[in-house]
Structures are given as structure tokens and as C-alpha cells.
Amino acid sequence: MNPEDGTRVMTTTTRKSTHRKPLEILLEALVRVAGYSAVVFVALIFIFLMREALPTFNEISISELFSRRWYPIEDYFGTLPLLTGSLVITLGAALIAVPFGLMTAVYISEIAPRWLREFLKPLVEVLGGIPSVVLGFLGILVLAPLVREILHIPTGLTAFTGAVLLAGMAIPTIVSVAEDALDTVPKSYRDAALALGATRWQTIWRITVPAARSGVLTATMLGIGRAIGETMTVMMVTGNAPQIASGLSAIFMPLRTMTATIAAEMGEVANGSVHYHALFYIGLALFLISLTVNLTASAVLFRARRRSERLLS
């Protein structure tokens, strides 16, 4: 190759990169602003919640905040029934949604024929878009009477009914994200396992699913996060009884969550009152719980990624 031609090519490339540089700088700046703005917005939400929730600690003692009774009309602001109600319903939804969601994702990605997969994947995504109020309405009309008749309990508006509906809302999210993660596993992993004599199920559960564990964990955290933050469904079907959830029988009792309490009472509370600040304290607690779940998931994903990089190196 002629040196002059090489110099001419380099000069042309340099000119093109010089012409593109302002646009690249602008796009890079926009990406950075978008990334920083997400952190800023989260920080502003936290500051706002802190500003409205901090007066609670001056107006209500810590022992009263964690007492066993929530009845604001008589100045009882015990959040323990709301905390336990949210915990029972969320755990119940997770115990139902995670196994079903993971198994469905494995079936769609690894077992179902192509024509069935092309039908199931969009169907799952459509199910994930059903409004929560519609599911709550169906829960009141269909699921709650069935629970009452089958279990022979006084009412079907229980924590179990709410957990089932929340699981139904979380499953599409888990399936969609986990199925995408399973699709990213290289085909060579499966071929190598089968070539070594592994069965199809051994390949799925010992090779494919562990290789996609970071995406599966992300799907699980997203599903649990949706269950924690859901409001309308649990407000409609859980009975809204602020009582302590104690023992396994609590799953079949009417309970009340923190999100349902905020949605039901914030519209009628006087601005600046003790009740008003107590509701913001509940919102702050929800914010911190969600932040803890997300940070824990990020830490686990980071460790899994580092472990994978070490194995590959």
C-alpha cells in the first residue's frame, strides 16, 4: 500500500471524526444528564419524605409508632399491624410467584415449540399490562367467594386472596425478564452439556438456569418489588383490617398493608396534622424497604458478575 494513500485515509478519518465530535459530545452529555437526573430525582423524593415524616418523631413516641393498634381517630398510630400485614402478603405472593414464574420462563425458553413460544411470550406481556383495579375487581367478584367457600372461613377478603392476586401480577414480570435472561445463555453451553451425556433436564437445571442466575435474580427482585408497592389490588381484596399477623393462620385473616393505608387515608387527612405526618412516615418506611431490596439485589448481581468474570479468566 502506498504510504501517501495511507496518510490520505487517516486524514479523511480524522476529518470525519472531527466533524462528528460535537454531536458525540452532545449525546454523551445528554446520557450523563439522564443518568445523574435519576439519582437526583430519587434523592429529592427521599428529602421530601424526610421533611414530611420527621415531625412524626416529635409528635409520636417510638413505642407508640411500633405499638399494636392503628386507629388514628383515637390517636393510635401503631404501625406494627401494617408492617406485619405487608410482610405476610408480600411473602405469600413471592412464594407463589417465584416458582411459577421461573418454571413458566423455563418452559417457554427451553421446552415449548417455536410456534407455541411465539404465542405465549406476547400473551404473558399482555397479562402484565392488566390494570390492578381490574384484578382487584375480579378478586372481589370471583376469587374471594371461592376462597370463602372452599376454606369455610367467614370472609374471602383475606391476606391469602391478596397474595394470590399479587402473585398473578408479579408472575408476568418474572416470566418476561427471566425468559430473556435464559435466551442470552449461549447455545454452546447446552450443546457441551448434552455432548457430555447430560439429560435435557440436567442441562436446564444445572447449566442453563445457573448461567442465567443474575437475570433470574433480577426478575425475582422486580416481581417482589411490584408486590411490595402494589396498592389498589390489596386495598380491595385483603379486608383492610389493621390487626397483628401472628402465626400461620394470619394468611387467612383480613389484614392491611402500608400502601393501602396511605391510599385510603391520605385523601381525607388534614394537612400538617399528626395523622398526616404519620402517613408520610409509612411512606418513608416503604421507600427505605424498596431501596434496601434494590441495593441487596444489586450487590448480589455484582458479586455474581465478578465470580463469572473470574471463572472466565
C-alpha atoms as a PDB file:
ATOM      1  CA  MET A   1       0.000   0.000   0.000  1.00  0.00           C
ATOM      2  CA  ASN A   2       1.295   3.455  -0.881  1.00  0.00           C
ATOM      3  CA  PRO A   3       2.218   5.494   2.240  1.00  0.00           C
ATOM      4  CA  GLU A   4       0.575   8.520   0.719  1.00  0.00           C
ATOM      5  CA  ASP A   5      -2.709   6.584   0.378  1.00  0.00           C
ATOM      6  CA  GLY A   6      -2.488   5.545   3.996  1.00  0.00           C
ATOM      7  CA  THR A   7      -1.878   9.119   5.075  1.00  0.00           C
ATOM      8  CA  ARG A   8      -4.800  10.262   2.936  1.00  0.00           C
ATOM      9  CA  VAL A   9      -7.126   7.650   4.552  1.00  0.00           C
ATOM     10  CA  MET A  10      -6.028   8.678   8.049  1.00  0.00           C
ATOM     11  CA  THR A  11      -6.584  12.329   7.197  1.00  0.00           C
ATOM     12  CA  THR A  12     -10.076  11.599   5.870  1.00  0.00           C
ATOM     13  CA  THR A  13     -10.926   9.558   9.001  1.00  0.00           C
ATOM     14  CA  THR A  14      -9.632  12.332  11.236  1.00  0.00           C
ATOM     15  CA  ARG A  15     -11.755  14.894   9.410  1.00  0.00           C
ATOM     16  CA  LYS A  16     -14.879  12.716   9.754  1.00  0.00           C
ATOM     17  CA  SER A  17     -14.229  12.197  13.460  1.00  0.00           C
ATOM     18  CA  THR A  18     -13.658  15.946  13.853  1.00  0.00           C
ATOM     19  CA  HIS A  19     -16.995  16.679  12.164  1.00  0.00           C
ATOM     20  CA  ARG A  20     -18.783  14.129  14.387  1.00  0.00           C
ATOM     21  CA  LYS A  21     -17.165  15.238  17.598  1.00  0.00           C
ATOM     22  CA  PRO A  22     -19.661  17.992  18.598  1.00  0.00           C
ATOM     23  CA  LEU A  23     -22.595  15.635  18.105  1.00  0.00           C
ATOM     24  CA  GLU A  24     -20.876  12.911  20.104  1.00  0.00           C
ATOM     25  CA  ILE A  25     -20.144  15.368  22.901  1.00  0.00           C
ATOM     26  CA  LEU A  26     -23.785  16.476  22.951  1.00  0.00           C
ATOM     27  CA  LEU A  27     -25.091  12.899  23.067  1.00  0.00           C
ATOM     28  CA  GLU A  28     -22.618  11.979  25.772  1.00  0.00           C
ATOM     29  CA  ALA A  29     -23.706  14.998  27.812  1.00  0.00           C
ATOM     30  CA  LEU A  30     -27.373  14.059  27.411  1.00  0.00           C
ATOM     31  CA  VAL A  31     -26.688  10.493  28.545  1.00  0.00           C
ATOM     32  CA  ARG A  32     -24.816  11.752  31.593  1.00  0.00           C
ATOM     33  CA  VAL A  33     -27.580  14.219  32.469  1.00  0.00           C
ATOM     34  CA  ALA A  34     -30.166  11.452  32.169  1.00  0.00           C
ATOM     35  CA  GLY A  35     -28.110   9.182  34.411  1.00  0.00           C
ATOM     36  CA  TYR A  36     -27.480  11.854  37.027  1.00  0.00           C
ATOM     37  CA  SER A  37     -31.111  13.014  36.933  1.00  0.00           C
ATOM     38  CA  ALA A  38     -32.324   9.569  38.021  1.00  0.00           C
ATOM     39  CA  VAL A  39     -30.136   9.796  41.123  1.00  0.00           C
ATOM     40  CA  VAL A  40     -31.213  13.397  41.740  1.00  0.00           C
ATOM     41  CA  PHE A  41     -34.917  12.528  41.485  1.00  0.00           C
ATOM     42  CA  VAL A  42     -34.543   9.662  43.958  1.00  0.00           C
ATOM     43  CA  ALA A  43     -32.660  11.955  46.331  1.00  0.00           C
ATOM     44  CA  LEU A  44     -35.361  14.643  46.033  1.00  0.00           C
ATOM     45  CA  ILE A  45     -38.091  12.107  46.789  1.00  0.00           C
ATOM     46  CA  PHE A  46     -36.158  10.954  49.845  1.00  0.00           C
ATOM     47  CA  ILE A  47     -35.659  14.545  51.039  1.00  0.00           C
ATOM     48  CA  PHE A  48     -39.356  15.327  50.597  1.00  0.00           C
ATOM     49  CA  LEU A  49     -40.407  12.228  52.510  1.00  0.00           C
ATOM     50  CA  MET A  50     -37.909  13.004  55.271  1.00  0.00           C
ATOM     51  CA  ARG A  51     -39.158  16.580  55.574  1.00  0.00           C
ATOM     52  CA  GLU A  52     -42.771  15.494  55.959  1.00  0.00           C
ATOM     53  CA  ALA A  53     -42.049  12.418  58.108  1.00  0.00           C
ATOM     54  CA  LEU A  54     -39.558  13.821  60.650  1.00  0.00           C
ATOM     55  CA  PRO A  55     -42.227  15.739  62.648  1.00  0.00           C
ATOM     56  CA  THR A  56     -43.748  12.340  63.427  1.00  0.00           C
ATOM     57  CA  PHE A  57     -40.950  11.582  65.875  1.00  0.00           C
ATOM     58  CA  ASN A  58     -41.650  14.817  67.773  1.00  0.00           C
ATOM     59  CA  GLU A  59     -45.390  14.168  67.930  1.00  0.00           C
ATOM     60  CA  ILE A  60     -45.439  10.378  68.481  1.00  0.00           C
ATOM     61  CA  SER A  61     -43.053   8.363  70.620  1.00  0.00           C
ATOM     62  CA  ILE A  62     -41.146   5.408  69.165  1.00  0.00           C
ATOM     63  CA  SER A  63     -43.026   2.989  71.416  1.00  0.00           C
ATOM     64  CA  GLU A  64     -46.354   4.291  70.123  1.00  0.00           C
ATOM     65  CA  LEU A  65     -45.204   4.070  66.494  1.00  0.00           C
ATOM     66  CA  PHE A  66     -44.466   0.379  66.945  1.00  0.00           C
ATOM     67  CA  SER A  67     -47.493  -0.430  69.072  1.00  0.00           C
ATOM     68  CA  ARG A  68     -50.154  -2.952  68.112  1.00  0.00           C
ATOM     69  CA  ARG A  69     -53.031  -0.632  67.238  1.00  0.00           C
ATOM     70  CA  TRP A  70     -53.631   1.682  64.266  1.00  0.00           C
ATOM     71  CA  TYR A  71     -56.716   3.811  64.886  1.00  0.00           C
ATOM     72  CA  PRO A  72     -55.956   7.477  64.037  1.00  0.00           C
ATOM     73  CA  ILE A  73     -59.384   8.749  65.103  1.00  0.00           C
ATOM     74  CA  GLU A  74     -58.445   7.978  68.700  1.00  0.00           C
ATOM     75  CA  ASP A  75     -54.773   8.940  68.229  1.00  0.00           C
ATOM     76  CA  TYR A  76     -53.446   5.395  67.978  1.00  0.00           C
ATOM     77  CA  PHE A  77     -50.670   5.294  65.391  1.00  0.00           C
ATOM     78  CA  GLY A  78     -49.145   1.861  65.850  1.00  0.00           C
ATOM     79  CA  THR A  79     -47.602   0.770  62.543  1.00  0.00           C
ATOM     80  CA  LEU A  80     -46.814  -2.794  63.603  1.00  0.00           C
ATOM     81  CA  PRO A  81     -50.092  -4.212  62.170  1.00  0.00           C
ATOM     82  CA  LEU A  82     -49.355  -2.502  58.845  1.00  0.00           C
ATOM     83  CA  LEU A  83     -45.776  -3.783  58.754  1.00  0.00           C
ATOM     84  CA  THR A  84     -46.752  -7.361  59.525  1.00  0.00           C
ATOM     85  CA  GLY A  85     -49.646  -7.235  57.057  1.00  0.00           C
ATOM     86  CA  SER A  86     -47.364  -6.044  54.263  1.00  0.00           C
ATOM     87  CA  LEU A  87     -44.777  -8.682  55.161  1.00  0.00           C
ATOM     88  CA  VAL A  88     -47.249 -11.584  55.200  1.00  0.00           C
ATOM     89  CA  ILE A  89     -48.920 -10.625  51.911  1.00  0.00           C
ATOM     90  CA  THR A  90     -45.627  -9.916  50.122  1.00  0.00           C
ATOM     91  CA  LEU A  91     -44.010 -13.167  51.279  1.00  0.00           C
ATOM     92  CA  GLY A  92     -47.122 -15.106  50.327  1.00  0.00           C
ATOM     93  CA  ALA A  93     -47.081 -13.559  46.859  1.00  0.00           C
ATOM     94  CA  ALA A  94     -43.352 -14.284  46.466  1.00  0.00           C
ATOM     95  CA  LEU A  95     -43.760 -17.926  47.491  1.00  0.00           C
ATOM     96  CA  ILE A  96     -46.387 -18.344  44.763  1.00  0.00           C
ATOM     97  CA  ALA A  97     -44.949 -16.124  42.025  1.00  0.00           C
ATOM     98  CA  VAL A  98     -41.255 -17.070  42.052  1.00  0.00           C
ATOM     99  CA  PRO A  99     -41.619 -20.857  41.461  1.00  0.00           C
ATOM    100  CA  PHE A 100     -44.442 -20.460  38.942  1.00  0.00           C
ATOM    101  CA  GLY A 101     -42.704 -17.594  37.158  1.00  0.00           C
ATOM    102  CA  LEU A 102     -39.377 -19.401  36.915  1.00  0.00           C
ATOM    103  CA  MET A 103     -40.940 -22.664  35.731  1.00  0.00           C
ATOM    104  CA  THR A 104     -43.004 -20.827  33.131  1.00  0.00           C
ATOM    105  CA  ALA A 105     -39.929 -18.974  31.878  1.00  0.00           C
ATOM    106  CA  VAL A 106     -38.010 -22.258  31.600  1.00  0.00           C
ATOM    107  CA  TYR A 107     -40.887 -23.879  29.713  1.00  0.00           C
ATOM    108  CA  ILE A 108     -41.202 -21.006  27.238  1.00  0.00           C
ATOM    109  CA  SER A 109     -37.446 -20.697  26.672  1.00  0.00           C
ATOM    110  CA  GLU A 110     -36.297 -24.310  26.736  1.00  0.00           C
ATOM    111  CA  ILE A 111     -39.209 -26.716  26.178  1.00  0.00           C
ATOM    112  CA  ALA A 112     -42.083 -25.140  24.251  1.00  0.00           C
ATOM    113  CA  PRO A 113     -42.035 -25.491  20.456  1.00  0.00           C
ATOM    114  CA  ARG A 114     -41.369 -22.344  18.497  1.00  0.00           C
ATOM    115  CA  TRP A 115     -44.985 -21.778  17.413  1.00  0.00           C
ATOM    116  CA  LEU A 116     -46.222 -22.064  20.997  1.00  0.00           C
ATOM    117  CA  ARG A 117     -43.461 -19.790  22.245  1.00  0.00           C
ATOM    118  CA  GLU A 118     -44.441 -17.133  19.714  1.00  0.00           C
ATOM    119  CA  PHE A 119     -47.939 -17.254  21.193  1.00  0.00           C
ATOM    120  CA  LEU A 120     -47.083 -17.473  24.920  1.00  0.00           C
ATOM    121  CA  LYS A 121     -44.488 -14.696  25.076  1.00  0.00           C
ATOM    122  CA  PRO A 122     -46.827 -11.896  23.859  1.00  0.00           C
ATOM    123  CA  LEU A 123     -49.646 -13.343  25.966  1.00  0.00           C
ATOM    124  CA  VAL A 124     -47.533 -13.084  29.125  1.00  0.00           C
ATOM    125  CA  GLU A 125     -46.630  -9.487  28.298  1.00  0.00           C
ATOM    126  CA  VAL A 126     -50.294  -8.632  27.734  1.00  0.00           C
ATOM    127  CA  LEU A 127     -51.202 -10.168  31.098  1.00  0.00           C
ATOM    128  CA  GLY A 128     -48.568  -7.975  32.730  1.00  0.00           C
ATOM    129  CA  GLY A 129     -50.365  -4.890  31.453  1.00  0.00           C
ATOM    130  CA  ILE A 130     -53.744  -5.622  33.065  1.00  0.00           C
ATOM    131  CA  PRO A 131     -54.639  -2.733  35.419  1.00  0.00           C
ATOM    132  CA  SER A 132     -54.500  -3.576  39.101  1.00  0.00           C
ATOM    133  CA  VAL A 133     -58.014  -2.255  39.690  1.00  0.00           C
ATOM    134  CA  VAL A 134     -59.347  -4.797  37.175  1.00  0.00           C
ATOM    135  CA  LEU A 135     -57.615  -7.631  39.029  1.00  0.00           C
ATOM    136  CA  GLY A 136     -58.974  -6.303  42.311  1.00  0.00           C
ATOM    137  CA  PHE A 137     -62.478  -6.212  40.878  1.00  0.00           C
ATOM    138  CA  LEU A 138     -62.148  -9.807  39.661  1.00  0.00           C
ATOM    139  CA  GLY A 139     -60.784 -10.755  43.067  1.00  0.00           C
ATOM    140  CA  ILE A 140     -63.845  -9.364  44.818  1.00  0.00           C
ATOM    141  CA  LEU A 141     -66.332 -10.985  42.443  1.00  0.00           C
ATOM    142  CA  VAL A 142     -64.648 -14.331  41.734  1.00  0.00           C
ATOM    143  CA  LEU A 143     -61.675 -15.221  43.915  1.00  0.00           C
ATOM    144  CA  ALA A 144     -62.905 -14.007  47.310  1.00  0.00           C
ATOM    145  CA  PRO A 145     -66.193 -16.032  47.193  1.00  0.00           C
ATOM    146  CA  LEU A 146     -64.221 -19.122  46.098  1.00  0.00           C
ATOM    147  CA  VAL A 147     -61.765 -18.735  48.977  1.00  0.00           C
ATOM    148  CA  ARG A 148     -64.614 -18.323  51.449  1.00  0.00           C
ATOM    149  CA  GLU A 149     -66.489 -21.384  50.208  1.00  0.00           C
ATOM    150  CA  ILE A 150     -63.510 -23.701  49.779  1.00  0.00           C
ATOM    151  CA  LEU A 151     -61.782 -22.851  53.061  1.00  0.00           C
ATOM    152  CA  HIS A 152     -65.037 -22.378  55.033  1.00  0.00           C
ATOM    153  CA  ILE A 153     -63.990 -19.061  56.567  1.00  0.00           C
ATOM    154  CA  PRO A 154     -66.199 -16.068  57.418  1.00  0.00           C
ATOM    155  CA  THR A 155     -64.891 -13.877  54.606  1.00  0.00           C
ATOM    156  CA  GLY A 156     -62.851 -14.335  51.483  1.00  0.00           C
ATOM    157  CA  LEU A 157     -61.255 -10.894  51.770  1.00  0.00           C
ATOM    158  CA  THR A 158     -58.068 -12.147  53.382  1.00  0.00           C
ATOM    159  CA  ALA A 159     -54.302 -11.877  53.091  1.00  0.00           C
ATOM    160  CA  PHE A 160     -54.327 -15.132  51.095  1.00  0.00           C
ATOM    161  CA  THR A 161     -56.607 -13.609  48.455  1.00  0.00           C
ATOM    162  CA  GLY A 162     -54.344 -10.575  48.197  1.00  0.00           C
ATOM    163  CA  ALA A 163     -51.223 -12.764  47.961  1.00  0.00           C
ATOM    164  CA  VAL A 164     -52.728 -14.802  45.121  1.00  0.00           C
ATOM    165  CA  LEU A 165     -53.640 -11.697  43.139  1.00  0.00           C
ATOM    166  CA  LEU A 166     -50.270 -10.069  43.787  1.00  0.00           C
ATOM    167  CA  ALA A 167     -48.589 -13.250  42.615  1.00  0.00           C
ATOM    168  CA  GLY A 168     -50.665 -13.073  39.446  1.00  0.00           C
ATOM    169  CA  MET A 169     -49.407  -9.537  38.893  1.00  0.00           C
ATOM    170  CA  ALA A 170     -45.772 -10.413  39.599  1.00  0.00           C
ATOM    171  CA  ILE A 171     -45.622 -13.600  37.503  1.00  0.00           C
ATOM    172  CA  PRO A 172     -45.672 -11.836  34.071  1.00  0.00           C
ATOM    173  CA  THR A 173     -42.772  -9.610  35.149  1.00  0.00           C
ATOM    174  CA  ILE A 174     -40.759 -12.581  36.418  1.00  0.00           C
ATOM    175  CA  VAL A 175     -41.515 -14.651  33.328  1.00  0.00           C
ATOM    176  CA  SER A 176     -40.618 -11.905  30.863  1.00  0.00           C
ATOM    177  CA  VAL A 177     -37.298 -10.929  32.469  1.00  0.00           C
ATOM    178  CA  ALA A 178     -36.233 -14.482  33.344  1.00  0.00           C
ATOM    179  CA  GLU A 179     -37.065 -15.759  29.860  1.00  0.00           C
ATOM    180  CA  ASP A 180     -34.928 -13.026  28.298  1.00  0.00           C
ATOM    181  CA  ALA A 181     -32.081 -13.971  30.650  1.00  0.00           C
ATOM    182  CA  LEU A 182     -32.342 -17.648  29.683  1.00  0.00           C
ATOM    183  CA  ASP A 183     -32.262 -16.705  25.993  1.00  0.00           C
ATOM    184  CA  THR A 184     -28.913 -14.948  26.487  1.00  0.00           C
ATOM    185  CA  VAL A 185     -27.217 -18.183  27.619  1.00  0.00           C
ATOM    186  CA  PRO A 186     -25.028 -19.322  24.692  1.00  0.00           C
ATOM    187  CA  LYS A 187     -26.198 -22.393  22.828  1.00  0.00           C
ATOM    188  CA  SER A 188     -22.700 -23.845  23.167  1.00  0.00           C
ATOM    189  CA  TYR A 189     -23.340 -24.349  26.912  1.00  0.00           C
ATOM    190  CA  ARG A 190     -26.309 -26.581  26.174  1.00  0.00           C
ATOM    191  CA  ASP A 191     -24.509 -28.446  23.378  1.00  0.00           C
ATOM    192  CA  ALA A 192     -21.487 -29.092  25.585  1.00  0.00           C
ATOM    193  CA  ALA A 193     -23.635 -30.451  28.431  1.00  0.00           C
ATOM    194  CA  LEU A 194     -25.580 -32.733  26.089  1.00  0.00           C
ATOM    195  CA  ALA A 195     -22.337 -33.921  24.480  1.00  0.00           C
ATOM    196  CA  LEU A 196     -21.013 -34.909  27.914  1.00  0.00           C
ATOM    197  CA  GLY A 197     -24.047 -37.128  28.484  1.00  0.00           C
ATOM    198  CA  ALA A 198     -26.328 -34.838  30.492  1.00  0.00           C
ATOM    199  CA  THR A 199     -30.059 -35.242  30.017  1.00  0.00           C
ATOM    200  CA  ARG A 200     -32.259 -32.396  28.870  1.00  0.00           C
ATOM    201  CA  TRP A 201     -33.476 -31.650  32.391  1.00  0.00           C
ATOM    202  CA  GLN A 202     -29.968 -31.818  33.826  1.00  0.00           C
ATOM    203  CA  THR A 203     -28.843 -29.352  31.188  1.00  0.00           C
ATOM    204  CA  ILE A 204     -31.679 -26.960  32.047  1.00  0.00           C
ATOM    205  CA  TRP A 205     -31.382 -27.010  35.849  1.00  0.00           C
ATOM    206  CA  ARG A 206     -27.622 -27.430  36.206  1.00  0.00           C
ATOM    207  CA  ILE A 207     -26.305 -25.448  33.242  1.00  0.00           C
ATOM    208  CA  THR A 208     -28.813 -23.043  31.708  1.00  0.00           C
ATOM    209  CA  VAL A 209     -30.552 -21.736  34.832  1.00  0.00           C
ATOM    210  CA  PRO A 210     -27.304 -21.261  36.849  1.00  0.00           C
ATOM    211  CA  ALA A 211     -25.728 -19.486  33.873  1.00  0.00           C
ATOM    212  CA  ALA A 212     -28.663 -17.056  33.836  1.00  0.00           C
ATOM    213  CA  ARG A 213     -28.855 -16.642  37.621  1.00  0.00           C
ATOM    214  CA  SER A 214     -28.145 -12.913  37.528  1.00  0.00           C
ATOM    215  CA  GLY A 215     -31.099 -12.300  35.214  1.00  0.00           C
ATOM    216  CA  VAL A 216     -33.283 -14.700  37.200  1.00  0.00           C
ATOM    217  CA  LEU A 217     -32.428 -12.829  40.388  1.00  0.00           C
ATOM    218  CA  THR A 218     -33.254  -9.533  38.704  1.00  0.00           C
ATOM    219  CA  ALA A 219     -36.619 -10.948  37.622  1.00  0.00           C
ATOM    220  CA  THR A 220     -37.307 -12.110  41.176  1.00  0.00           C
ATOM    221  CA  MET A 221     -36.453  -8.714  42.668  1.00  0.00           C
ATOM    222  CA  LEU A 222     -38.614  -6.894  40.121  1.00  0.00           C
ATOM    223  CA  GLY A 223     -41.528  -9.190  40.870  1.00  0.00           C
ATOM    224  CA  ILE A 224     -41.160  -8.748  44.629  1.00  0.00           C
ATOM    225  CA  GLY A 225     -40.774  -5.010  44.157  1.00  0.00           C
ATOM    226  CA  ARG A 226     -44.068  -4.850  42.312  1.00  0.00           C
ATOM    227  CA  ALA A 227     -45.741  -6.854  45.070  1.00  0.00           C
ATOM    228  CA  ILE A 228     -44.387  -4.510  47.755  1.00  0.00           C
ATOM    229  CA  GLY A 229     -45.539  -1.366  46.009  1.00  0.00           C
ATOM    230  CA  GLU A 230     -48.948  -2.539  44.806  1.00  0.00           C
ATOM    231  CA  THR A 231     -51.838  -0.552  46.275  1.00  0.00           C
ATOM    232  CA  MET A 232     -55.221  -0.863  44.623  1.00  0.00           C
ATOM    233  CA  THR A 233     -55.449  -4.654  44.498  1.00  0.00           C
ATOM    234  CA  VAL A 234     -54.541  -5.228  48.140  1.00  0.00           C
ATOM    235  CA  MET A 235     -56.816  -2.391  49.227  1.00  0.00           C
ATOM    236  CA  MET A 236     -59.764  -4.087  47.501  1.00  0.00           C
ATOM    237  CA  VAL A 237     -59.323  -7.746  48.495  1.00  0.00           C
ATOM    238  CA  THR A 238     -57.401  -8.032  51.786  1.00  0.00           C
ATOM    239  CA  GLY A 239     -60.171  -6.826  54.103  1.00  0.00           C
ATOM    240  CA  ASN A 240     -58.249  -3.719  55.313  1.00  0.00           C
ATOM    241  CA  ALA A 241     -58.258  -4.806  58.961  1.00  0.00           C
ATOM    242  CA  PRO A 242     -55.239  -3.327  60.808  1.00  0.00           C
ATOM    243  CA  GLN A 243     -54.520  -6.267  63.077  1.00  0.00           C
ATOM    244  CA  ILE A 244     -51.321  -8.064  64.005  1.00  0.00           C
ATOM    245  CA  ALA A 245     -50.418 -11.005  61.770  1.00  0.00           C
ATOM    246  CA  SER A 246     -49.235 -13.746  64.101  1.00  0.00           C
ATOM    247  CA  GLY A 247     -48.874 -17.413  63.239  1.00  0.00           C
ATOM    248  CA  LEU A 248     -49.552 -19.301  60.037  1.00  0.00           C
ATOM    249  CA  SER A 249     -53.273 -18.683  60.378  1.00  0.00           C
ATOM    250  CA  ALA A 250     -52.650 -14.982  59.692  1.00  0.00           C
ATOM    251  CA  ILE A 251     -52.580 -15.708  55.953  1.00  0.00           C
ATOM    252  CA  PHE A 252     -56.318 -16.436  56.143  1.00  0.00           C
ATOM    253  CA  MET A 253     -57.149 -13.311  58.150  1.00  0.00           C
ATOM    254  CA  PRO A 254     -58.166  -9.867  56.869  1.00  0.00           C
ATOM    255  CA  LEU A 255     -55.049  -7.693  57.025  1.00  0.00           C
ATOM    256  CA  ARG A 256     -53.956  -4.241  55.950  1.00  0.00           C
ATOM    257  CA  THR A 257     -50.798  -3.132  54.146  1.00  0.00           C
ATOM    258  CA  MET A 258     -48.855   0.104  54.356  1.00  0.00           C
ATOM    259  CA  THR A 259     -49.635   1.052  50.761  1.00  0.00           C
ATOM    260  CA  ALA A 260     -53.370   0.514  51.244  1.00  0.00           C
ATOM    261  CA  THR A 261     -53.294   2.651  54.398  1.00  0.00           C
ATOM    262  CA  ILE A 262     -51.704   5.577  52.575  1.00  0.00           C
ATOM    263  CA  ALA A 263     -54.118   5.303  49.637  1.00  0.00           C
ATOM    264  CA  ALA A 264     -57.198   5.000  51.840  1.00  0.00           C
ATOM    265  CA  GLU A 265     -56.425   7.778  54.328  1.00  0.00           C
ATOM    266  CA  MET A 266     -54.235  10.391  52.638  1.00  0.00           C
ATOM    267  CA  GLY A 267     -57.125  11.967  50.744  1.00  0.00           C
ATOM    268  CA  GLU A 268     -59.115  12.688  53.923  1.00  0.00           C
ATOM    269  CA  VAL A 269     -56.371  13.691  56.360  1.00  0.00           C
ATOM    270  CA  ALA A 270     -55.812  17.295  57.438  1.00  0.00           C
ATOM    271  CA  ASN A 271     -52.618  18.818  56.040  1.00  0.00           C
ATOM    272  CA  GLY A 272     -49.950  19.154  58.732  1.00  0.00           C
ATOM    273  CA  SER A 273     -51.761  17.046  61.319  1.00  0.00           C
ATOM    274  CA  VAL A 274     -50.229  14.204  63.322  1.00  0.00           C
ATOM    275  CA  HIS A 275     -52.075  11.715  61.135  1.00  0.00           C
ATOM    276  CA  TYR A 276     -50.661  13.431  58.021  1.00  0.00           C
ATOM    277  CA  HIS A 277     -47.077  13.117  59.238  1.00  0.00           C
ATOM    278  CA  ALA A 278     -47.648   9.505  60.333  1.00  0.00           C
ATOM    279  CA  LEU A 279     -48.730   8.583  56.813  1.00  0.00           C
ATOM    280  CA  PHE A 280     -45.569  10.159  55.415  1.00  0.00           C
ATOM    281  CA  TYR A 281     -43.584   8.158  57.947  1.00  0.00           C
ATOM    282  CA  ILE A 282     -45.177   4.998  56.491  1.00  0.00           C
ATOM    283  CA  GLY A 283     -44.227   6.221  53.021  1.00  0.00           C
ATOM    284  CA  LEU A 284     -40.647   6.771  54.163  1.00  0.00           C
ATOM    285  CA  ALA A 285     -40.549   3.245  55.595  1.00  0.00           C
ATOM    286  CA  LEU A 286     -41.783   1.856  52.260  1.00  0.00           C
ATOM    287  CA  PHE A 287     -39.139   3.866  50.414  1.00  0.00           C
ATOM    288  CA  LEU A 288     -36.361   2.507  52.631  1.00  0.00           C
ATOM    289  CA  ILE A 289     -37.632  -1.068  52.295  1.00  0.00           C
ATOM    290  CA  SER A 290     -37.685  -0.817  48.487  1.00  0.00           C
ATOM    291  CA  LEU A 291     -34.242   0.801  48.489  1.00  0.00           C
ATOM    292  CA  THR A 292     -32.867  -1.999  50.665  1.00  0.00           C
ATOM    293  CA  VAL A 293     -34.292  -4.670  48.368  1.00  0.00           C
ATOM    294  CA  ASN A 294     -32.814  -2.997  45.286  1.00  0.00           C
ATOM    295  CA  LEU A 295     -29.396  -2.464  46.903  1.00  0.00           C
ATOM    296  CA  THR A 296     -29.316  -6.075  48.051  1.00  0.00           C
ATOM    297  CA  ALA A 297     -30.178  -7.293  44.558  1.00  0.00           C
ATOM    298  CA  SER A 298     -27.504  -5.029  43.040  1.00  0.00           C
ATOM    299  CA  ALA A 299     -24.887  -6.328  45.471  1.00  0.00           C
ATOM    300  CA  VAL A 300     -25.742  -9.949  44.714  1.00  0.00           C
ATOM    301  CA  LEU A 301     -25.672  -9.293  40.968  1.00  0.00           C
ATOM    302  CA  PHE A 302     -22.306  -7.540  41.268  1.00  0.00           C
ATOM    303  CA  ARG A 303     -20.815 -10.479  43.159  1.00  0.00           C
ATOM    304  CA  ALA A 304     -22.239 -12.959  40.650  1.00  0.00           C
ATOM    305  CA  ARG A 305     -20.805 -10.946  37.752  1.00  0.00           C
ATOM    306  CA  ARG A 306     -17.397 -10.767  39.413  1.00  0.00           C
ATOM    307  CA  ARG A 307     -17.469 -14.506  40.060  1.00  0.00           C
ATOM    308  CA  SER A 308     -18.348 -15.179  36.420  1.00  0.00           C
ATOM    309  CA  GLU A 309     -15.500 -12.928  35.233  1.00  0.00           C
ATOM    310  CA  ARG A 310     -13.041 -14.801  37.445  1.00  0.00           C
ATOM    311  CA  LEU A 311     -14.190 -18.162  36.109  1.00  0.00           C
ATOM    312  CA  LEU A 312     -13.884 -16.977  32.511  1.00  0.00           C
ATOM    313  CA  SER A 313     -10.430 -15.536  33.124  1.00  0.00           C
END
